[in-house]
PDB file of N, CA and C in Angstrom:
ATOM      1  N   MET A   1      38.027 -27.324  39.344  1.00  0.00           N
ATOM      2  CA  MET A   1      37.538 -27.887  38.071  1.00  0.00           C
ATOM      3  C   MET A   1      38.100 -27.260  36.794  1.00  0.00           C
ATOM      4  N   ASN A   2      38.085 -27.819  35.776  1.00  0.00           N
ATOM      5  CA  ASN A   2      38.629 -27.228  34.564  1.00  0.00           C
ATOM      6  C   ASN A   2      37.775 -26.167  33.995  1.00  0.00           C
ATOM      7  N   PRO A   3      38.277 -24.902  33.715  1.00  0.00           N
ATOM      8  CA  PRO A   3      37.476 -23.842  33.344  1.00  0.00           C
ATOM      9  C   PRO A   3      36.730 -24.109  32.034  1.00  0.00           C
ATOM     10  N   ARG A   4      37.316 -24.943  31.180  1.00  0.00           N
ATOM     11  CA  ARG A   4      36.651 -25.286  29.890  1.00  0.00           C
ATOM     12  C   ARG A   4      35.381 -26.139  30.150  1.00  0.00           C
ATOM     13  N   ILE A   5      35.466 -26.920  31.244  1.00  0.00           N
ATOM     14  CA  ILE A   5      34.305 -27.817  31.555  1.00  0.00           C
ATOM     15  C   ILE A   5      33.090 -26.894  31.947  1.00  0.00           C
ATOM     16  N   GLU A   6      33.443 -25.964  32.888  1.00  0.00           N
ATOM     17  CA  GLU A   6      32.392 -24.956  33.375  1.00  0.00           C
ATOM     18  C   GLU A   6      31.825 -24.130  32.141  1.00  0.00           C
ATOM     19  N   LYS A   7      32.664 -23.734  31.250  1.00  0.00           N
ATOM     20  CA  LYS A   7      32.151 -22.982  30.061  1.00  0.00           C
ATOM     21  C   LYS A   7      31.266 -23.824  29.287  1.00  0.00           C
ATOM     22  N   ILE A   8      31.602 -24.981  29.047  1.00  0.00           N
ATOM     23  CA  ILE A   8      30.741 -25.948  28.169  1.00  0.00           C
ATOM     24  C   ILE A   8      29.369 -26.193  28.973  1.00  0.00           C
ATOM     25  N   LYS A   9      29.469 -26.366  30.216  1.00  0.00           N
ATOM     26  CA  LYS A   9      28.230 -26.652  31.028  1.00  0.00           C
ATOM     27  C   LYS A   9      27.305 -25.455  30.992  1.00  0.00           C
ATOM     28  N   ASP A  10      27.943 -24.251  31.066  1.00  0.00           N
ATOM     29  CA  ASP A  10      27.150 -22.926  31.043  1.00  0.00           C
ATOM     30  C   ASP A  10      26.530 -22.851  29.636  1.00  0.00           C
ATOM     31  N   GLU A  11      27.210 -23.164  28.651  1.00  0.00           N
ATOM     32  CA  GLU A  11      26.605 -23.110  27.276  1.00  0.00           C
ATOM     33  C   GLU A  11      25.505 -24.102  27.093  1.00  0.00           C
ATOM     34  N   ILE A  12      25.692 -25.267  27.629  1.00  0.00           N
ATOM     35  CA  ILE A  12      24.677 -26.232  27.576  1.00  0.00           C
ATOM     36  C   ILE A  12      23.431 -25.805  28.171  1.00  0.00           C
ATOM     37  N   GLU A  13      23.549 -25.177  29.421  1.00  0.00           N
ATOM     38  CA  GLU A  13      22.300 -24.668  30.128  1.00  0.00           C
ATOM     39  C   GLU A  13      21.775 -23.631  29.321  1.00  0.00           C
ATOM     40  N   ARG A  14      22.501 -22.678  28.734  1.00  0.00           N
ATOM     41  CA  ARG A  14      21.863 -21.601  27.876  1.00  0.00           C
ATOM     42  C   ARG A  14      21.080 -22.090  26.716  1.00  0.00           C
ATOM     43  N   ILE A  15      21.642 -23.119  26.055  1.00  0.00           N
ATOM     44  CA  ILE A  15      20.982 -23.727  24.887  1.00  0.00           C
ATOM     45  C   ILE A  15      19.700 -24.425  25.278  1.00  0.00           C
ATOM     46  N   LYS A  16      19.860 -25.137  26.399  1.00  0.00           N
ATOM     47  CA  LYS A  16      18.636 -25.834  26.861  1.00  0.00           C
ATOM     48  C   LYS A  16      17.413 -24.791  27.268  1.00  0.00           C
ATOM     49  N   ALA A  17      17.822 -23.764  27.779  1.00  0.00           N
ATOM     50  CA  ALA A  17      16.844 -22.685  28.112  1.00  0.00           C
ATOM     51  C   ALA A  17      16.180 -22.128  26.879  1.00  0.00           C
ATOM     52  N   LYS A  18      16.985 -21.918  25.805  1.00  0.00           N
ATOM     53  CA  LYS A  18      16.511 -21.417  24.555  1.00  0.00           C
ATOM     54  C   LYS A  18      15.641 -22.425  23.862  1.00  0.00           C
ATOM     55  N   MET A  19      16.002 -23.659  23.942  1.00  0.00           N
ATOM     56  CA  MET A  19      15.094 -24.819  23.371  1.00  0.00           C
ATOM     57  C   MET A  19      13.825 -24.843  24.101  1.00  0.00           C
ATOM     58  N   ILE A  20      13.762 -24.689  25.355  1.00  0.00           N
ATOM     59  CA  ILE A  20      12.504 -24.754  26.150  1.00  0.00           C
ATOM     60  C   ILE A  20      11.696 -23.543  25.697  1.00  0.00           C
ATOM     61  N   LYS A  21      12.284 -22.433  25.592  1.00  0.00           N
ATOM     62  CA  LYS A  21      11.543 -21.105  25.243  1.00  0.00           C
ATOM     63  C   LYS A  21      11.010 -21.382  23.718  1.00  0.00           C
ATOM     64  N   GLY A  22      11.811 -21.908  22.834  1.00  0.00           N
ATOM     65  CA  GLY A  22      11.439 -22.132  21.495  1.00  0.00           C
ATOM     66  C   GLY A  22      10.308 -23.137  21.237  1.00  0.00           C
ATOM     67  N   GLN A  23      10.358 -24.173  22.159  1.00  0.00           N
ATOM     68  CA  GLN A  23       9.310 -25.226  22.083  1.00  0.00           C
ATOM     69  C   GLN A  23       7.912 -24.676  22.555  1.00  0.00           C
ATOM     70  N   THR A  24       8.107 -23.860  23.618  1.00  0.00           N
ATOM     71  CA  THR A  24       6.883 -23.150  24.070  1.00  0.00           C
ATOM     72  C   THR A  24       6.197 -22.298  23.082  1.00  0.00           C
ATOM     73  N   ARG A  25       7.127 -21.496  22.368  1.00  0.00           N
ATOM     74  CA  ARG A  25       6.677 -20.651  21.291  1.00  0.00           C
ATOM     75  C   ARG A  25       6.008 -21.381  20.171  1.00  0.00           C
ATOM     76  N   LEU A  26       6.648 -22.487  19.858  1.00  0.00           N
ATOM     77  CA  LEU A  26       6.254 -23.373  18.726  1.00  0.00           C
ATOM     78  C   LEU A  26       4.810 -23.962  19.078  1.00  0.00           C
ATOM     79  N   ARG A  27       4.580 -24.332  20.254  1.00  0.00           N
ATOM     80  CA  ARG A  27       3.239 -24.873  20.702  1.00  0.00           C
ATOM     81  C   ARG A  27       2.235 -23.735  20.569  1.00  0.00           C
ATOM     82  N   GLU A  28       2.590 -22.442  21.085  1.00  0.00           N
ATOM     83  CA  GLU A  28       1.618 -21.415  20.947  1.00  0.00           C
ATOM     84  C   GLU A  28       1.282 -21.038  19.407  1.00  0.00           C
ATOM     85  N   LEU A  29       2.234 -21.113  18.587  1.00  0.00           N
ATOM     86  CA  LEU A  29       2.040 -20.814  17.206  1.00  0.00           C
ATOM     87  C   LEU A  29       1.273 -21.855  16.581  1.00  0.00           C
ATOM     88  N   GLU A  30       1.492 -23.154  16.856  1.00  0.00           N
ATOM     89  CA  GLU A  30       0.662 -24.296  16.299  1.00  0.00           C
ATOM     90  C   GLU A  30      -0.801 -24.160  16.685  1.00  0.00           C
ATOM     91  N   LYS A  31      -0.955 -23.729  17.998  1.00  0.00           N
ATOM     92  CA  LYS A  31      -2.382 -23.651  18.537  1.00  0.00           C
ATOM     93  C   LYS A  31      -3.107 -22.528  17.801  1.00  0.00           C
ATOM     94  N   GLN A  32      -2.418 -21.278  17.590  1.00  0.00           N
ATOM     95  CA  GLN A  32      -2.925 -20.225  16.863  1.00  0.00           C
ATOM     96  C   GLN A  32      -3.319 -20.600  15.480  1.00  0.00           C
ATOM     97  N   LEU A  33      -2.382 -21.360  14.794  1.00  0.00           N
ATOM     98  CA  LEU A  33      -2.654 -21.806  13.409  1.00  0.00           C
ATOM     99  C   LEU A  33      -3.889 -22.673  13.387  1.00  0.00           C
ATOM    100  N   THR A  34      -3.988 -23.580  14.243  1.00  0.00           N
ATOM    101  CA  THR A  34      -5.093 -24.573  14.381  1.00  0.00           C
ATOM    102  C   THR A  34      -6.291 -23.750  14.667  1.00  0.00           C
ATOM    103  N   ASP A  35      -6.386 -22.827  15.574  1.00  0.00           N
ATOM    104  CA  ASP A  35      -7.592 -22.029  15.845  1.00  0.00           C
ATOM    105  C   ASP A  35      -8.007 -21.191  14.561  1.00  0.00           C
ATOM    106  N   LEU A  36      -7.055 -20.598  13.934  1.00  0.00           N
ATOM    107  CA  LEU A  36      -7.514 -19.874  12.800  1.00  0.00           C
ATOM    108  C   LEU A  36      -7.911 -20.721  11.507  1.00  0.00           C
ATOM    109  N   GLU A  37      -7.359 -21.903  11.397  1.00  0.00           N
ATOM    110  CA  GLU A  37      -7.858 -22.843  10.305  1.00  0.00           C
ATOM    111  C   GLU A  37      -9.315 -23.239  10.728  1.00  0.00           C
ATOM    112  N   ASN A  38      -9.528 -23.670  11.877  1.00  0.00           N
ATOM    113  CA  ASN A  38     -10.742 -24.053  12.397  1.00  0.00           C
ATOM    114  C   ASN A  38     -11.946 -22.988  12.213  1.00  0.00           C
ATOM    115  N   ALA A  39     -11.524 -21.805  12.460  1.00  0.00           N
ATOM    116  CA  ALA A  39     -12.375 -20.626  12.270  1.00  0.00           C
ATOM    117  C   ALA A  39     -12.784 -20.403  10.757  1.00  0.00           C
ATOM    118  N   ASP A  40     -11.732 -20.697   9.913  1.00  0.00           N
ATOM    119  CA  ASP A  40     -11.942 -20.534   8.412  1.00  0.00           C
ATOM    120  C   ASP A  40     -13.003 -21.710   7.956  1.00  0.00           C
ATOM    121  N   ILE A  41     -12.767 -22.889   8.521  1.00  0.00           N
ATOM    122  CA  ILE A  41     -13.563 -24.074   8.143  1.00  0.00           C
ATOM    123  C   ILE A  41     -14.959 -23.839   8.657  1.00  0.00           C
ATOM    124  N   VAL A  42     -15.191 -23.316   9.827  1.00  0.00           N
ATOM    125  CA  VAL A  42     -16.562 -23.080  10.377  1.00  0.00           C
ATOM    126  C   VAL A  42     -17.199 -22.031   9.499  1.00  0.00           C
ATOM    127  N   ALA A  43     -16.498 -21.003   9.182  1.00  0.00           N
ATOM    128  CA  ALA A  43     -17.051 -19.952   8.406  1.00  0.00           C
ATOM    129  C   ALA A  43     -17.485 -20.517   7.037  1.00  0.00           C
ATOM    130  N   ALA A  44     -16.677 -21.270   6.402  1.00  0.00           N
ATOM    131  CA  ALA A  44     -16.983 -21.939   5.098  1.00  0.00           C
ATOM    132  C   ALA A  44     -18.245 -22.844   5.244  1.00  0.00           C
ATOM    133  N   VAL A  45     -18.291 -23.642   6.220  1.00  0.00           N
ATOM    134  CA  VAL A  45     -19.456 -24.652   6.452  1.00  0.00           C
ATOM    135  C   VAL A  45     -20.660 -23.777   6.724  1.00  0.00           C
ATOM    136  N   ARG A  46     -20.632 -22.768   7.528  1.00  0.00           N
ATOM    137  CA  ARG A  46     -21.761 -21.997   7.765  1.00  0.00           C
ATOM    138  C   ARG A  46     -22.291 -21.286   6.524  1.00  0.00           C
ATOM    139  N   GLY A  47     -21.452 -20.898   5.674  1.00  0.00           N
ATOM    140  CA  GLY A  47     -21.820 -20.183   4.496  1.00  0.00           C
ATOM    141  C   GLY A  47     -22.610 -21.087   3.519  1.00  0.00           C
ATOM    142  N   VAL A  48     -22.505 -22.382   3.577  1.00  0.00           N
ATOM    143  CA  VAL A  48     -23.253 -23.325   2.702  1.00  0.00           C
ATOM    144  C   VAL A  48     -24.642 -23.456   3.102  1.00  0.00           C
ATOM    145  N   GLU A  49     -25.039 -23.198   4.379  1.00  0.00           N
ATOM    146  CA  GLU A  49     -26.441 -23.307   4.884  1.00  0.00           C
ATOM    147  C   GLU A  49     -27.074 -24.597   4.634  1.00  0.00           C
ATOM    148  N   VAL A  50     -26.393 -25.727   5.095  1.00  0.00           N
ATOM    149  CA  VAL A  50     -27.029 -27.025   5.034  1.00  0.00           C
ATOM    150  C   VAL A  50     -27.056 -27.568   6.501  1.00  0.00           C
ATOM    151  N   ALA A  51     -27.978 -28.563   6.718  1.00  0.00           N
ATOM    152  CA  ALA A  51     -28.132 -29.157   7.957  1.00  0.00           C
ATOM    153  C   ALA A  51     -26.935 -29.965   8.239  1.00  0.00           C
ATOM    154  N   PRO A  52     -26.456 -30.090   9.469  1.00  0.00           N
ATOM    155  CA  PRO A  52     -25.378 -30.971   9.789  1.00  0.00           C
ATOM    156  C   PRO A  52     -25.359 -32.322   9.292  1.00  0.00           C
ATOM    157  N   SER A  53     -26.568 -32.934   9.238  1.00  0.00           N
ATOM    158  CA  SER A  53     -26.665 -34.309   8.766  1.00  0.00           C
ATOM    159  C   SER A  53     -26.416 -34.349   7.237  1.00  0.00           C
ATOM    160  N   GLU A  54     -26.836 -33.350   6.544  1.00  0.00           N
ATOM    161  CA  GLU A  54     -26.645 -33.221   4.994  1.00  0.00           C
ATOM    162  C   GLU A  54     -25.095 -33.038   4.794  1.00  0.00           C
ATOM    163  N   LEU A  55     -24.522 -32.243   5.501  1.00  0.00           N
ATOM    164  CA  LEU A  55     -23.089 -32.014   5.421  1.00  0.00           C
ATOM    165  C   LEU A  55     -22.290 -33.269   5.656  1.00  0.00           C
ATOM    166  N   ALA A  56     -22.678 -34.038   6.732  1.00  0.00           N
ATOM    167  CA  ALA A  56     -21.978 -35.199   7.091  1.00  0.00           C
ATOM    168  C   ALA A  56     -22.095 -36.197   5.897  1.00  0.00           C
ATOM    169  N   ALA A  57     -23.253 -36.247   5.348  1.00  0.00           N
ATOM    170  CA  ALA A  57     -23.534 -37.219   4.140  1.00  0.00           C
ATOM    171  C   ALA A  57     -22.571 -36.914   3.006  1.00  0.00           C
ATOM    172  N   PHE A  58     -22.578 -35.488   2.706  1.00  0.00           N
ATOM    173  CA  PHE A  58     -21.796 -35.099   1.584  1.00  0.00           C
ATOM    174  C   PHE A  58     -20.235 -35.413   1.897  1.00  0.00           C
ATOM    175  N   VAL A  59     -19.769 -35.193   3.137  1.00  0.00           N
ATOM    176  CA  VAL A  59     -18.353 -35.443   3.384  1.00  0.00           C
ATOM    177  C   VAL A  59     -18.125 -36.968   3.147  1.00  0.00           C
ATOM    178  N   GLN A  60     -19.037 -37.741   3.696  1.00  0.00           N
ATOM    179  CA  GLN A  60     -18.856 -39.159   3.508  1.00  0.00           C
ATOM    180  C   GLN A  60     -18.803 -39.612   2.131  1.00  0.00           C
ATOM    181  N   MET A  61     -19.668 -39.002   1.267  1.00  0.00           N
ATOM    182  CA  MET A  61     -19.579 -39.254  -0.217  1.00  0.00           C
ATOM    183  C   MET A  61     -18.287 -38.898  -0.822  1.00  0.00           C
ATOM    184  N   LEU A  62     -17.786 -37.672  -0.380  1.00  0.00           N
ATOM    185  CA  LEU A  62     -16.515 -37.260  -0.858  1.00  0.00           C
ATOM    186  C   LEU A  62     -15.386 -38.224  -0.464  1.00  0.00           C
ATOM    187  N   ARG A  63     -15.311 -38.700   0.758  1.00  0.00           N
ATOM    188  CA  ARG A  63     -14.350 -39.649   1.146  1.00  0.00           C
ATOM    189  C   ARG A  63     -14.447 -40.965   0.337  1.00  0.00           C
ATOM    190  N   GLU A  64     -15.650 -41.484   0.122  1.00  0.00           N
ATOM    191  CA  GLU A  64     -15.843 -42.592  -0.684  1.00  0.00           C
ATOM    192  C   GLU A  64     -15.328 -42.451  -2.107  1.00  0.00           C
ATOM    193  N   LYS A  65     -15.556 -41.306  -2.706  1.00  0.00           N
ATOM    194  CA  LYS A  65     -14.997 -41.007  -4.040  1.00  0.00           C
ATOM    195  C   LYS A  65     -13.531 -41.028  -3.990  1.00  0.00           C
ATOM    196  N   GLN A  66     -12.930 -40.387  -2.965  1.00  0.00           N
ATOM    197  CA  GLN A  66     -11.501 -40.298  -2.926  1.00  0.00           C
ATOM    198  C   GLN A  66     -10.927 -41.754  -2.755  1.00  0.00           C
ATOM    199  N   LYS A  67     -11.479 -42.576  -2.050  1.00  0.00           N
ATOM    200  CA  LYS A  67     -11.000 -43.886  -1.825  1.00  0.00           C
ATOM    201  C   LYS A  67     -11.326 -44.870  -3.009  1.00  0.00           C
ATOM    202  N   GLY A  68     -12.120 -44.329  -4.028  1.00  0.00           N
ATOM    203  CA  GLY A  68     -12.457 -45.205  -5.170  1.00  0.00           C
ATOM    204  C   GLY A  68     -13.623 -46.031  -4.831  1.00  0.00           C
ATOM    205  N   GLY A  69     -14.351 -45.718  -3.796  1.00  0.00           N
ATOM    206  CA  GLY A  69     -15.526 -46.477  -3.471  1.00  0.00           C
ATOM    207  C   GLY A  69     -16.726 -46.097  -4.364  1.00  0.00           C
ATOM    208  N   THR A  70     -17.806 -46.645  -3.968  1.00  0.00           N
ATOM    209  CA  THR A  70     -19.094 -46.290  -4.820  1.00  0.00           C
ATOM    210  C   THR A  70     -19.716 -45.070  -4.255  1.00  0.00           C
ATOM    211  N   VAL A  71     -20.126 -44.325  -5.192  1.00  0.00           N
ATOM    212  CA  VAL A  71     -20.938 -43.078  -4.902  1.00  0.00           C
ATOM    213  C   VAL A  71     -22.035 -43.144  -5.747  1.00  0.00           C
ATOM    214  N   PRO A  72     -23.031 -42.167  -5.574  1.00  0.00           N
ATOM    215  CA  PRO A  72     -24.192 -42.261  -6.392  1.00  0.00           C
ATOM    216  C   PRO A  72     -23.892 -41.972  -7.861  1.00  0.00           C
ATOM    217  N   ASP A  73     -24.714 -42.454  -8.767  1.00  0.00           N
ATOM    218  CA  ASP A  73     -24.411 -42.488 -10.138  1.00  0.00           C
ATOM    219  C   ASP A  73     -24.127 -41.151 -10.778  1.00  0.00           C
ATOM    220  N   LEU A  74     -24.756 -40.089 -10.137  1.00  0.00           N
ATOM    221  CA  LEU A  74     -24.608 -38.753 -10.512  1.00  0.00           C
ATOM    222  C   LEU A  74     -23.262 -38.147 -10.049  1.00  0.00           C
ATOM    223  N   ASP A  75     -22.620 -37.254 -10.830  1.00  0.00           N
ATOM    224  CA  ASP A  75     -21.393 -36.576 -10.380  1.00  0.00           C
ATOM    225  C   ASP A  75     -21.883 -35.344  -9.475  1.00  0.00           C
ATOM    226  N   THR A  76     -23.038 -35.132  -9.354  1.00  0.00           N
ATOM    227  CA  THR A  76     -23.469 -34.005  -8.483  1.00  0.00           C
ATOM    228  C   THR A  76     -24.378 -34.617  -7.440  1.00  0.00           C
ATOM    229  N   ALA A  77     -24.129 -34.320  -6.252  1.00  0.00           N
ATOM    230  CA  ALA A  77     -24.943 -34.796  -5.057  1.00  0.00           C
ATOM    231  C   ALA A  77     -25.767 -33.630  -4.625  1.00  0.00           C
ATOM    232  N   THR A  78     -27.084 -33.873  -4.570  1.00  0.00           N
ATOM    233  CA  THR A  78     -27.938 -32.885  -3.999  1.00  0.00           C
ATOM    234  C   THR A  78     -28.012 -33.004  -2.556  1.00  0.00           C
ATOM    235  N   VAL A  79     -27.507 -31.837  -1.911  1.00  0.00           N
ATOM    236  CA  VAL A  79     -27.571 -31.866  -0.468  1.00  0.00           C
ATOM    237  C   VAL A  79     -28.415 -30.641   0.008  1.00  0.00           C
ATOM    238  N   GLY A  80     -29.595 -31.113   0.490  1.00  0.00           N
ATOM    239  CA  GLY A  80     -30.603 -29.998   0.856  1.00  0.00           C
ATOM    240  C   GLY A  80     -30.941 -29.099  -0.273  1.00  0.00           C
ATOM    241  N   ARG A  81     -30.673 -27.827  -0.209  1.00  0.00           N
ATOM    242  CA  ARG A  81     -31.021 -26.876  -1.141  1.00  0.00           C
ATOM    243  C   ARG A  81     -29.754 -26.581  -1.979  1.00  0.00           C
ATOM    244  N   VAL A  82     -28.629 -27.353  -1.721  1.00  0.00           N
ATOM    245  CA  VAL A  82     -27.363 -26.915  -2.376  1.00  0.00           C
ATOM    246  C   VAL A  82     -26.902 -28.160  -3.329  1.00  0.00           C
ATOM    247  N   ASP A  83     -26.575 -27.840  -4.550  1.00  0.00           N
ATOM    248  CA  ASP A  83     -26.079 -28.835  -5.487  1.00  0.00           C
ATOM    249  C   ASP A  83     -24.592 -28.638  -5.283  1.00  0.00           C
ATOM    250  N   ILE A  84     -23.861 -29.743  -5.022  1.00  0.00           N
ATOM    251  CA  ILE A  84     -22.362 -29.810  -4.907  1.00  0.00           C
ATOM    252  C   ILE A  84     -21.780 -30.706  -5.857  1.00  0.00           C
ATOM    253  N   ALA A  85     -20.979 -30.295  -6.787  1.00  0.00           N
ATOM    254  CA  ALA A  85     -20.208 -31.154  -7.700  1.00  0.00           C
ATOM    255  C   ALA A  85     -19.242 -31.883  -7.090  1.00  0.00           C
ATOM    256  N   LEU A  86     -19.284 -33.233  -7.067  1.00  0.00           N
ATOM    257  CA  LEU A  86     -18.217 -34.097  -6.463  1.00  0.00           C
ATOM    258  C   LEU A  86     -16.978 -34.020  -7.214  1.00  0.00           C
ATOM    259  N   GLU A  87     -16.945 -33.744  -8.549  1.00  0.00           N
ATOM    260  CA  GLU A  87     -15.680 -33.686  -9.265  1.00  0.00           C
ATOM    261  C   GLU A  87     -14.990 -32.443  -8.998  1.00  0.00           C
ATOM    262  N   ALA A  88     -15.590 -31.484  -8.288  1.00  0.00           N
ATOM    263  CA  ALA A  88     -14.905 -30.219  -7.993  1.00  0.00           C
ATOM    264  C   ALA A  88     -13.655 -30.386  -7.148  1.00  0.00           C
ATOM    265  N   ALA A  89     -13.751 -31.326  -6.299  1.00  0.00           N
ATOM    266  CA  ALA A  89     -12.494 -31.545  -5.389  1.00  0.00           C
ATOM    267  C   ALA A  89     -12.232 -33.087  -5.349  1.00  0.00           C
ATOM    268  N   PRO A  90     -11.800 -33.677  -6.524  1.00  0.00           N
ATOM    269  CA  PRO A  90     -11.630 -35.114  -6.484  1.00  0.00           C
ATOM    270  C   PRO A  90     -10.321 -35.546  -5.701  1.00  0.00           C
ATOM    271  N   ASP A  91      -9.321 -34.635  -5.644  1.00  0.00           N
ATOM    272  CA  ASP A  91      -8.128 -34.898  -5.038  1.00  0.00           C
ATOM    273  C   ASP A  91      -7.911 -34.285  -3.690  1.00  0.00           C
ATOM    274  N   CYS A  92      -8.947 -33.688  -3.102  1.00  0.00           N
ATOM    275  CA  CYS A  92      -8.693 -32.961  -1.952  1.00  0.00           C
ATOM    276  C   CYS A  92      -8.571 -33.972  -0.742  1.00  0.00           C
ATOM    277  N   THR A  93      -7.726 -33.727   0.095  1.00  0.00           N
ATOM    278  CA  THR A  93      -7.505 -34.572   1.379  1.00  0.00           C
ATOM    279  C   THR A  93      -7.479 -33.735   2.494  1.00  0.00           C
ATOM    280  N   THR A  94      -7.795 -34.349   3.692  1.00  0.00           N
ATOM    281  CA  THR A  94      -7.803 -33.615   4.865  1.00  0.00           C
ATOM    282  C   THR A  94      -6.504 -33.892   5.593  1.00  0.00           C
ATOM    283  N   ASP A  95      -6.174 -33.125   6.599  1.00  0.00           N
ATOM    284  CA  ASP A  95      -4.906 -33.320   7.493  1.00  0.00           C
ATOM    285  C   ASP A  95      -5.095 -34.730   8.137  1.00  0.00           C
ATOM    286  N   LEU A  96      -6.329 -34.983   8.512  1.00  0.00           N
ATOM    287  CA  LEU A  96      -6.541 -36.322   9.169  1.00  0.00           C
ATOM    288  C   LEU A  96      -6.269 -37.477   8.254  1.00  0.00           C
ATOM    289  N   ASP A  97      -6.762 -37.391   6.950  1.00  0.00           N
ATOM    290  CA  ASP A  97      -6.491 -38.429   6.000  1.00  0.00           C
ATOM    291  C   ASP A  97      -4.952 -38.682   5.800  1.00  0.00           C
ATOM    292  N   THR A  98      -4.309 -37.472   5.714  1.00  0.00           N
ATOM    293  CA  THR A  98      -2.818 -37.582   5.472  1.00  0.00           C
ATOM    294  C   THR A  98      -2.256 -38.166   6.737  1.00  0.00           C
ATOM    295  N   GLN A  99      -2.627 -37.764   7.952  1.00  0.00           N
ATOM    296  CA  GLN A  99      -1.998 -38.353   9.070  1.00  0.00           C
ATOM    297  C   GLN A  99      -2.418 -39.882   9.284  1.00  0.00           C
ATOM    298  N   ASN A 100      -3.529 -40.264   8.885  1.00  0.00           N
ATOM    299  CA  ASN A 100      -4.008 -41.764   8.885  1.00  0.00           C
ATOM    300  C   ASN A 100      -3.078 -42.465   7.841  1.00  0.00           C
ATOM    301  N   ASP A 101      -2.797 -41.883   6.678  1.00  0.00           N
ATOM    302  CA  ASP A 101      -1.954 -42.564   5.687  1.00  0.00           C
ATOM    303  C   ASP A 101      -0.526 -42.775   6.219  1.00  0.00           C
ATOM    304  N   MET A 102      -0.042 -41.640   6.887  1.00  0.00           N
ATOM    305  CA  MET A 102       1.341 -41.704   7.451  1.00  0.00           C
ATOM    306  C   MET A 102       1.362 -42.775   8.591  1.00  0.00           C
ATOM    307  N   GLU A 103       0.330 -42.928   9.325  1.00  0.00           N
ATOM    308  CA  GLU A 103       0.272 -43.929  10.470  1.00  0.00           C
ATOM    309  C   GLU A 103       0.217 -45.376   9.830  1.00  0.00           C
ATOM    310  N   ASP A 104      -0.389 -45.520   8.759  1.00  0.00           N
ATOM    311  CA  ASP A 104      -0.501 -46.847   8.055  1.00  0.00           C
ATOM    312  C   ASP A 104       0.905 -47.285   7.625  1.00  0.00           C
ATOM    313  N   THR A 105       1.734 -46.291   7.214  1.00  0.00           N
ATOM    314  CA  THR A 105       3.049 -46.818   6.646  1.00  0.00           C
ATOM    315  C   THR A 105       4.059 -47.078   7.780  1.00  0.00           C
ATOM    316  N   VAL A 106       3.839 -46.588   8.986  1.00  0.00           N
ATOM    317  CA  VAL A 106       4.788 -46.822  10.066  1.00  0.00           C
ATOM    318  C   VAL A 106       4.692 -48.149  10.658  1.00  0.00           C
TER     319      VAL A 106
END
């Protein structure tokens, strides 16, 4: 067989092996990133000291405001013992919102 063909086949195999190793490392790094982001989110939520149902209500109100929906007349929603200004984060979006928007355009 032509030696150039063998050389090219060997290079293809080396590159495929590097790609597999790179993809594996990429998945590991993405998992680490997600774990760290989730830990930060959990720490922030626990720091607010509200009941899960109150937090869920607040998040729902935030999403409604982002979508231009109706929210309570006040710019401040009282959630348990914590007053949270809705105008503090009018343009904040979650990764899930961004992903849903991208899926809608496809």
